[in-house]
Amino acid sequence: MAWPTRPALEDPEGTAKKLRKALADRTNDVKQCLEFVIDHLAHETPMAFLAQVNLSIMARESGFDPALPDRGMLWAFNDPFAD
């Protein structure tokens, strides 16, 4: 499976402006990290990995919804800059 990515943002400058405003009072370390992130808003970027769930183990737990698959892996990814 290929690692999921998010496409380049349609308005990277607008997003950058919002981020700079929201984090204006933060430390220099945060601001340096922010500029690194902003440099990548206009490019396709790998999404952040959040969790991996083994459904064959979860299926044994009480309350497991039988409508869900009882085997396989469920992966969760996030794009913190998505609208």
N, C-alpha and C. Protein backbone atom coordinates (compact mmCIF):
# COMPACT_ATOMS: atom_id res chain seq x y z
N MET A 1 0.84 -1.18 0.00
CA MET A 1 0.00 0.00 0.00
C MET A 1 0.89 1.23 0.00
N ALA A 2 0.56 2.18 -0.83
CA ALA A 2 1.31 3.43 -0.86
C ALA A 2 0.87 4.32 0.30
N TRP A 3 1.81 5.05 0.86
CA TRP A 3 1.49 5.99 1.95
C TRP A 3 0.57 7.07 1.39
N PRO A 4 -0.55 7.37 2.07
CA PRO A 4 -1.46 8.39 1.53
C PRO A 4 -0.85 9.79 1.59
N THR A 5 -1.20 10.58 0.61
CA THR A 5 -0.71 11.96 0.55
C THR A 5 -1.91 12.89 0.36
N ARG A 6 -1.68 14.14 0.65
CA ARG A 6 -2.68 15.16 0.34
C ARG A 6 -2.13 15.97 -0.81
N PRO A 7 -3.02 16.40 -1.71
CA PRO A 7 -2.54 17.21 -2.83
C PRO A 7 -2.10 18.59 -2.35
N ALA A 8 -1.41 19.30 -3.20
CA ALA A 8 -1.06 20.68 -2.88
C ALA A 8 -2.34 21.45 -2.59
N LEU A 9 -2.28 22.36 -1.62
CA LEU A 9 -3.45 23.16 -1.30
C LEU A 9 -3.76 24.13 -2.42
N GLU A 10 -5.04 24.40 -2.62
CA GLU A 10 -5.45 25.32 -3.68
C GLU A 10 -5.03 26.75 -3.36
N ASP A 11 -5.01 27.10 -2.07
CA ASP A 11 -4.66 28.46 -1.65
C ASP A 11 -3.58 28.40 -0.57
N PRO A 12 -2.35 27.99 -0.94
CA PRO A 12 -1.32 27.86 0.09
C PRO A 12 -0.99 29.18 0.77
N GLU A 13 -1.07 30.28 0.03
CA GLU A 13 -0.75 31.58 0.64
C GLU A 13 -1.80 31.96 1.69
N GLY A 14 -3.07 31.69 1.40
CA GLY A 14 -4.13 31.99 2.36
C GLY A 14 -3.99 31.15 3.63
N THR A 15 -3.66 29.87 3.46
CA THR A 15 -3.45 28.99 4.61
C THR A 15 -2.23 29.45 5.41
N ALA A 16 -1.16 29.81 4.72
CA ALA A 16 0.05 30.30 5.39
C ALA A 16 -0.26 31.55 6.21
N LYS A 17 -1.05 32.44 5.66
CA LYS A 17 -1.41 33.68 6.36
C LYS A 17 -2.18 33.35 7.65
N LYS A 18 -3.13 32.43 7.56
CA LYS A 18 -3.91 32.03 8.74
C LYS A 18 -3.01 31.39 9.80
N LEU A 19 -2.09 30.53 9.38
CA LEU A 19 -1.19 29.87 10.32
C LEU A 19 -0.27 30.88 11.02
N ARG A 20 0.28 31.79 10.24
CA ARG A 20 1.17 32.80 10.84
C ARG A 20 0.41 33.65 11.86
N LYS A 21 -0.82 34.01 11.54
CA LYS A 21 -1.63 34.81 12.46
C LYS A 21 -1.95 34.02 13.73
N ALA A 22 -2.33 32.76 13.57
CA ALA A 22 -2.70 31.93 14.72
C ALA A 22 -1.52 31.65 15.65
N LEU A 23 -0.32 31.61 15.09
CA LEU A 23 0.86 31.24 15.88
C LEU A 23 1.83 32.40 16.08
N ALA A 24 1.36 33.63 15.91
CA ALA A 24 2.23 34.80 15.99
C ALA A 24 2.90 34.97 17.35
N ASP A 25 2.26 34.55 18.42
CA ASP A 25 2.82 34.76 19.76
C ASP A 25 3.62 33.56 20.28
N ARG A 26 3.95 32.62 19.42
CA ARG A 26 4.68 31.41 19.84
C ARG A 26 6.19 31.64 19.85
N THR A 27 6.91 30.67 20.37
CA THR A 27 8.37 30.77 20.45
C THR A 27 9.00 30.68 19.07
N ASN A 28 10.29 31.03 18.99
CA ASN A 28 11.01 30.96 17.72
C ASN A 28 11.08 29.54 17.19
N ASP A 29 11.18 28.54 18.09
CA ASP A 29 11.23 27.14 17.63
C ASP A 29 9.96 26.78 16.89
N VAL A 30 8.81 27.20 17.43
CA VAL A 30 7.53 26.92 16.77
C VAL A 30 7.46 27.66 15.44
N LYS A 31 7.92 28.89 15.42
CA LYS A 31 7.88 29.67 14.18
C LYS A 31 8.77 29.05 13.10
N GLN A 32 9.92 28.51 13.49
CA GLN A 32 10.80 27.86 12.51
C GLN A 32 10.12 26.62 11.94
N CYS A 33 9.48 25.86 12.80
CA CYS A 33 8.76 24.67 12.36
C CYS A 33 7.61 25.07 11.44
N LEU A 34 6.91 26.14 11.80
CA LEU A 34 5.80 26.65 11.00
C LEU A 34 6.27 27.01 9.59
N GLU A 35 7.39 27.68 9.48
CA GLU A 35 7.89 28.07 8.16
C GLU A 35 8.25 26.84 7.33
N PHE A 36 8.76 25.80 7.97
CA PHE A 36 9.05 24.55 7.26
C PHE A 36 7.75 23.97 6.70
N VAL A 37 6.70 23.95 7.52
CA VAL A 37 5.39 23.44 7.08
C VAL A 37 4.85 24.30 5.94
N ILE A 38 4.91 25.61 6.10
CA ILE A 38 4.38 26.52 5.08
C ILE A 38 5.08 26.31 3.74
N ASP A 39 6.37 26.03 3.77
CA ASP A 39 7.12 25.79 2.53
C ASP A 39 6.58 24.59 1.77
N HIS A 40 5.86 23.70 2.45
CA HIS A 40 5.37 22.48 1.83
C HIS A 40 3.88 22.50 1.50
N LEU A 41 3.18 23.58 1.80
CA LEU A 41 1.75 23.64 1.54
C LEU A 41 1.41 23.60 0.05
N ALA A 42 2.30 24.09 -0.78
CA ALA A 42 2.05 24.14 -2.21
C ALA A 42 2.46 22.86 -2.93
N HIS A 43 2.83 21.82 -2.17
CA HIS A 43 3.29 20.56 -2.75
C HIS A 43 2.48 19.40 -2.19
N GLU A 44 2.40 18.32 -2.95
CA GLU A 44 1.81 17.09 -2.43
C GLU A 44 2.64 16.65 -1.22
N THR A 45 1.98 16.25 -0.14
CA THR A 45 2.68 15.97 1.12
C THR A 45 2.15 14.69 1.76
N PRO A 46 3.02 13.84 2.31
CA PRO A 46 2.54 12.66 3.03
C PRO A 46 1.66 13.07 4.22
N MET A 47 0.62 12.30 4.44
CA MET A 47 -0.28 12.58 5.56
C MET A 47 0.31 12.03 6.85
N ALA A 48 -0.15 12.55 7.97
CA ALA A 48 0.33 12.12 9.29
C ALA A 48 -0.37 10.82 9.69
N PHE A 49 0.41 9.86 10.18
CA PHE A 49 -0.12 8.59 10.64
C PHE A 49 -0.66 8.77 12.05
N LEU A 50 -1.90 8.32 12.28
CA LEU A 50 -2.52 8.46 13.60
C LEU A 50 -2.64 7.15 14.36
N ALA A 51 -3.12 6.10 13.67
CA ALA A 51 -3.38 4.85 14.40
C ALA A 51 -3.45 3.67 13.45
N GLN A 52 -3.23 2.49 14.04
CA GLN A 52 -3.40 1.22 13.33
C GLN A 52 -4.22 0.32 14.24
N VAL A 53 -5.29 -0.24 13.71
CA VAL A 53 -6.18 -1.10 14.50
C VAL A 53 -6.27 -2.46 13.82
N ASN A 54 -5.98 -3.51 14.59
CA ASN A 54 -6.11 -4.88 14.10
C ASN A 54 -7.55 -5.32 14.35
N LEU A 55 -8.35 -5.42 13.29
CA LEU A 55 -9.77 -5.72 13.43
C LEU A 55 -10.03 -7.12 13.94
N SER A 56 -9.13 -8.08 13.70
CA SER A 56 -9.35 -9.44 14.20
C SER A 56 -9.25 -9.47 15.73
N ILE A 57 -8.48 -8.60 16.31
CA ILE A 57 -8.41 -8.49 17.77
C ILE A 57 -9.61 -7.71 18.30
N MET A 58 -9.92 -6.61 17.65
CA MET A 58 -11.06 -5.79 18.09
C MET A 58 -12.38 -6.54 18.00
N ALA A 59 -12.51 -7.44 17.03
CA ALA A 59 -13.76 -8.19 16.84
C ALA A 59 -14.08 -9.07 18.03
N ARG A 60 -13.09 -9.42 18.83
CA ARG A 60 -13.31 -10.26 20.03
C ARG A 60 -13.85 -9.46 21.21
N GLU A 61 -13.80 -8.14 21.13
CA GLU A 61 -14.23 -7.28 22.23
C GLU A 61 -15.74 -7.09 22.23
N SER A 62 -16.31 -7.05 23.45
CA SER A 62 -17.75 -6.80 23.54
C SER A 62 -18.04 -5.40 23.00
N GLY A 63 -19.17 -5.28 22.35
CA GLY A 63 -19.55 -4.00 21.78
C GLY A 63 -19.03 -3.76 20.38
N PHE A 64 -18.24 -4.70 19.86
CA PHE A 64 -17.73 -4.55 18.49
C PHE A 64 -18.91 -4.63 17.53
N ASP A 65 -19.03 -3.67 16.65
CA ASP A 65 -20.14 -3.62 15.71
C ASP A 65 -20.00 -4.74 14.68
N PRO A 66 -20.97 -5.67 14.61
CA PRO A 66 -20.86 -6.78 13.65
C PRO A 66 -20.94 -6.33 12.19
N ALA A 67 -21.34 -5.10 11.96
CA ALA A 67 -21.37 -4.59 10.58
C ALA A 67 -19.96 -4.30 10.06
N LEU A 68 -18.99 -4.19 10.97
CA LEU A 68 -17.60 -3.93 10.58
C LEU A 68 -16.91 -5.23 10.18
N PRO A 69 -15.88 -5.16 9.36
CA PRO A 69 -15.12 -6.37 9.03
C PRO A 69 -14.48 -6.95 10.30
N ASP A 70 -14.39 -8.29 10.36
CA ASP A 70 -13.82 -8.92 11.55
C ASP A 70 -12.36 -9.35 11.35
N ARG A 71 -11.74 -8.84 10.30
CA ARG A 71 -10.31 -9.12 10.08
C ARG A 71 -9.74 -7.99 9.22
N GLY A 72 -8.42 -7.92 9.23
CA GLY A 72 -7.75 -6.88 8.46
C GLY A 72 -7.28 -5.76 9.36
N MET A 73 -6.65 -4.79 8.75
CA MET A 73 -6.11 -3.65 9.49
C MET A 73 -6.86 -2.39 9.07
N LEU A 74 -7.07 -1.53 10.04
CA LEU A 74 -7.66 -0.23 9.79
C LEU A 74 -6.59 0.80 10.13
N TRP A 75 -6.24 1.65 9.16
CA TRP A 75 -5.24 2.69 9.38
C TRP A 75 -5.92 4.04 9.34
N ALA A 76 -5.50 4.93 10.20
CA ALA A 76 -6.04 6.29 10.23
C ALA A 76 -4.91 7.28 9.96
N PHE A 77 -5.16 8.18 9.03
CA PHE A 77 -4.22 9.22 8.68
C PHE A 77 -4.92 10.57 8.78
N ASN A 78 -4.16 11.64 8.91
CA ASN A 78 -4.74 12.95 9.08
C ASN A 78 -3.95 14.00 8.29
N ASP A 79 -4.68 14.96 7.79
CA ASP A 79 -4.08 16.13 7.17
C ASP A 79 -4.49 17.32 8.02
N PRO A 80 -3.62 17.84 8.87
CA PRO A 80 -4.02 18.92 9.76
C PRO A 80 -4.33 20.24 9.04
N PHE A 81 -4.04 20.33 7.75
CA PHE A 81 -4.29 21.55 7.01
C PHE A 81 -5.50 21.45 6.09
N ALA A 82 -6.21 20.34 6.16
CA ALA A 82 -7.39 20.18 5.31
C ALA A 82 -8.54 21.04 5.83
N ASP A 83 -9.35 21.50 4.90
CA ASP A 83 -10.55 22.25 5.31
C ASP A 83 -11.56 21.29 5.76
